[in-house]
Amino acid sequence: MDANRTIIPMLTPEDRRAKEEILRLYESSRDAARRAIKRLREELGMPSLGEEYPKEQARLRRCLANGREIGPAGIFYCTVIEEILVRADKAAIEGDLPAMIEVYKEMKEISE
């Protein structure tokens, strides 16, 4: 037998049906889990990151505008906010969920 050849197992019709059924069950259970999580979040009043992330970005942009009005005393405050907003935008653009969660926590810590 040639070592470079890949052996592909042939599925019987019964195996194919079983595989399709497993995939169907997996998809339906995943969808059911998503619906349950959404329902629980709504019942507990827990917003999703997708809802709250842009709100926090907007809030920080308002804080940034307020900090600039302070003048020289607000320079450090504005610098910190600008750095967080750059990382927040980058994480959102790249779809980097772990980075978005970390930056979201930082955004929540900034007081107005």
C-alpha atoms as a PDB file:
ATOM      1  CA  MET A   1       0.000   0.000   0.000  1.00  0.00           C
ATOM      2  CA  ASP A   2       1.236   3.487  -0.895  1.00  0.00           C
ATOM      3  CA  ALA A   3       1.995   5.510   2.278  1.00  0.00           C
ATOM      4  CA  ASN A   4       0.912   8.741   0.604  1.00  0.00           C
ATOM      5  CA  ARG A   5      -2.627   7.575  -0.105  1.00  0.00           C
ATOM      6  CA  THR A   6      -5.389   8.582   2.265  1.00  0.00           C
ATOM      7  CA  ILE A   7      -7.980   6.010   3.096  1.00  0.00           C
ATOM      8  CA  ILE A   8     -11.492   7.456   3.150  1.00  0.00           C
ATOM      9  CA  PRO A   9     -13.994   5.223   4.865  1.00  0.00           C
ATOM     10  CA  MET A  10     -17.167   4.611   2.922  1.00  0.00           C
ATOM     11  CA  LEU A  11     -20.352   5.257   4.836  1.00  0.00           C
ATOM     12  CA  THR A  12     -23.258   2.942   4.446  1.00  0.00           C
ATOM     13  CA  PRO A  13     -26.694   4.493   3.888  1.00  0.00           C
ATOM     14  CA  GLU A  14     -27.544   3.679   7.519  1.00  0.00           C
ATOM     15  CA  ASP A  15     -24.346   5.430   8.693  1.00  0.00           C
ATOM     16  CA  ARG A  16     -25.180   8.480   6.604  1.00  0.00           C
ATOM     17  CA  ARG A  17     -28.696   8.655   8.037  1.00  0.00           C
ATOM     18  CA  ALA A  18     -27.328   8.282  11.559  1.00  0.00           C
ATOM     19  CA  LYS A  19     -24.759  11.008  10.922  1.00  0.00           C
ATOM     20  CA  GLU A  20     -27.426  13.333   9.518  1.00  0.00           C
ATOM     21  CA  GLU A  21     -29.681  12.653  12.506  1.00  0.00           C
ATOM     22  CA  ILE A  22     -26.840  13.393  14.944  1.00  0.00           C
ATOM     23  CA  LEU A  23     -26.084  16.669  13.161  1.00  0.00           C
ATOM     24  CA  ARG A  24     -29.770  17.609  13.150  1.00  0.00           C
ATOM     25  CA  LEU A  25     -30.088  16.886  16.877  1.00  0.00           C
ATOM     26  CA  TYR A  26     -26.917  18.855  17.584  1.00  0.00           C
ATOM     27  CA  GLU A  27     -28.207  21.888  15.662  1.00  0.00           C
ATOM     28  CA  SER A  28     -31.638  21.785  17.306  1.00  0.00           C
ATOM     29  CA  SER A  29     -30.167  21.413  20.804  1.00  0.00           C
ATOM     30  CA  ARG A  30     -27.739  24.281  20.166  1.00  0.00           C
ATOM     31  CA  ASP A  31     -30.617  26.475  18.981  1.00  0.00           C
ATOM     32  CA  ALA A  32     -32.693  25.472  22.003  1.00  0.00           C
ATOM     33  CA  ALA A  33     -29.793  26.348  24.304  1.00  0.00           C
ATOM     34  CA  ARG A  34     -29.432  29.762  22.672  1.00  0.00           C
ATOM     35  CA  ARG A  35     -33.152  30.436  23.092  1.00  0.00           C
ATOM     36  CA  ALA A  36     -33.013  29.360  26.744  1.00  0.00           C
ATOM     37  CA  ILE A  37     -30.041  31.615  27.434  1.00  0.00           C
ATOM     38  CA  LYS A  38     -31.758  34.550  25.737  1.00  0.00           C
ATOM     39  CA  ARG A  39     -34.973  33.940  27.698  1.00  0.00           C
ATOM     40  CA  LEU A  40     -33.057  33.677  30.986  1.00  0.00           C
ATOM     41  CA  ARG A  41     -31.110  36.856  30.216  1.00  0.00           C
ATOM     42  CA  GLU A  42     -34.377  38.697  29.545  1.00  0.00           C
ATOM     43  CA  GLU A  43     -35.999  37.353  32.735  1.00  0.00           C
ATOM     44  CA  LEU A  44     -33.021  38.367  34.871  1.00  0.00           C
ATOM     45  CA  GLY A  45     -32.568  41.667  33.087  1.00  0.00           C
ATOM     46  CA  MET A  46     -29.086  40.735  31.926  1.00  0.00           C
ATOM     47  CA  PRO A  47     -28.150  42.549  28.722  1.00  0.00           C
ATOM     48  CA  SER A  48     -25.843  40.974  26.191  1.00  0.00           C
ATOM     49  CA  LEU A  49     -22.369  42.211  25.365  1.00  0.00           C
ATOM     50  CA  GLY A  50     -23.584  43.020  21.863  1.00  0.00           C
ATOM     51  CA  GLU A  51     -26.160  45.397  23.336  1.00  0.00           C
ATOM     52  CA  GLU A  52     -24.048  46.991  26.043  1.00  0.00           C
ATOM     53  CA  TYR A  53     -20.652  47.288  24.320  1.00  0.00           C
ATOM     54  CA  PRO A  54     -21.658  50.101  21.908  1.00  0.00           C
ATOM     55  CA  LYS A  55     -23.505  51.886  24.727  1.00  0.00           C
ATOM     56  CA  GLU A  56     -20.335  51.890  26.828  1.00  0.00           C
ATOM     57  CA  GLN A  57     -18.291  53.126  23.874  1.00  0.00           C
ATOM     58  CA  ALA A  58     -20.740  56.016  23.407  1.00  0.00           C
ATOM     59  CA  ARG A  59     -20.668  56.781  27.131  1.00  0.00           C
ATOM     60  CA  LEU A  60     -16.875  56.934  27.098  1.00  0.00           C
ATOM     61  CA  ARG A  61     -16.954  59.244  24.087  1.00  0.00           C
ATOM     62  CA  ARG A  62     -19.222  61.583  26.077  1.00  0.00           C
ATOM     63  CA  CYS A  63     -16.800  61.338  29.016  1.00  0.00           C
ATOM     64  CA  LEU A  64     -13.988  62.197  26.634  1.00  0.00           C
ATOM     65  CA  ALA A  65     -15.822  65.317  25.467  1.00  0.00           C
ATOM     66  CA  ASN A  66     -16.473  66.322  29.084  1.00  0.00           C
ATOM     67  CA  GLY A  67     -12.844  65.724  30.003  1.00  0.00           C
ATOM     68  CA  ARG A  68     -11.671  67.981  27.190  1.00  0.00           C
ATOM     69  CA  GLU A  69     -13.899  70.763  28.504  1.00  0.00           C
ATOM     70  CA  ILE A  70     -12.047  70.638  31.825  1.00  0.00           C
ATOM     71  CA  GLY A  71      -8.880  71.742  30.088  1.00  0.00           C
ATOM     72  CA  PRO A  72      -5.338  70.778  31.180  1.00  0.00           C
ATOM     73  CA  ALA A  73      -6.647  69.071  34.321  1.00  0.00           C
ATOM     74  CA  GLY A  74      -8.493  66.524  32.163  1.00  0.00           C
ATOM     75  CA  ILE A  75      -5.500  65.466  30.054  1.00  0.00           C
ATOM     76  CA  PHE A  76      -4.747  62.252  31.985  1.00  0.00           C
ATOM     77  CA  TYR A  77      -8.441  61.329  32.124  1.00  0.00           C
ATOM     78  CA  CYS A  78      -8.789  61.872  28.365  1.00  0.00           C
ATOM     79  CA  THR A  79      -5.601  59.925  27.609  1.00  0.00           C
ATOM     80  CA  VAL A  80      -6.842  56.904  29.547  1.00  0.00           C
ATOM     81  CA  ILE A  81     -10.240  57.017  27.833  1.00  0.00           C
ATOM     82  CA  GLU A  82      -8.728  57.423  24.367  1.00  0.00           C
ATOM     83  CA  GLU A  83      -6.479  54.389  24.934  1.00  0.00           C
ATOM     84  CA  ILE A  84      -9.438  52.277  26.073  1.00  0.00           C
ATOM     85  CA  LEU A  85     -11.546  53.407  23.111  1.00  0.00           C
ATOM     86  CA  VAL A  86      -8.792  52.519  20.632  1.00  0.00           C
ATOM     87  CA  ARG A  87      -8.595  48.996  22.088  1.00  0.00           C
ATOM     88  CA  ALA A  88     -12.400  48.745  22.209  1.00  0.00           C
ATOM     89  CA  ASP A  89     -12.730  49.700  18.554  1.00  0.00           C
ATOM     90  CA  LYS A  90      -9.935  47.331  17.540  1.00  0.00           C
ATOM     91  CA  ALA A  91     -11.464  44.394  19.444  1.00  0.00           C
ATOM     92  CA  ALA A  92     -14.902  45.056  17.927  1.00  0.00           C
ATOM     93  CA  ILE A  93     -13.557  45.381  14.386  1.00  0.00           C
ATOM     94  CA  GLU A  94     -11.566  42.159  14.716  1.00  0.00           C
ATOM     95  CA  GLY A  95     -14.434  40.329  16.433  1.00  0.00           C
ATOM     96  CA  ASP A  96     -12.057  39.349  19.259  1.00  0.00           C
ATOM     97  CA  LEU A  97     -14.582  38.348  21.937  1.00  0.00           C
ATOM     98  CA  PRO A  98     -12.097  37.770  24.806  1.00  0.00           C
ATOM     99  CA  ALA A  99     -10.537  41.193  24.154  1.00  0.00           C
ATOM    100  CA  MET A 100     -13.996  42.776  23.960  1.00  0.00           C
ATOM    101  CA  ILE A 101     -14.914  41.313  27.358  1.00  0.00           C
ATOM    102  CA  GLU A 102     -11.711  42.641  28.939  1.00  0.00           C
ATOM    103  CA  VAL A 103     -12.127  46.113  27.421  1.00  0.00           C
ATOM    104  CA  TYR A 104     -15.808  46.146  28.395  1.00  0.00           C
ATOM    105  CA  LYS A 105     -14.810  45.582  32.030  1.00  0.00           C
ATOM    106  CA  GLU A 106     -12.375  48.492  31.776  1.00  0.00           C
ATOM    107  CA  MET A 107     -15.006  50.738  30.186  1.00  0.00           C
ATOM    108  CA  LYS A 108     -17.413  49.979  33.055  1.00  0.00           C
ATOM    109  CA  GLU A 109     -14.766  51.125  35.555  1.00  0.00           C
ATOM    110  CA  ILE A 110     -14.510  54.636  34.099  1.00  0.00           C
ATOM    111  CA  SER A 111     -16.640  57.100  36.023  1.00  0.00           C
ATOM    112  CA  GLU A 112     -18.222  60.144  34.463  1.00  0.00           C
END
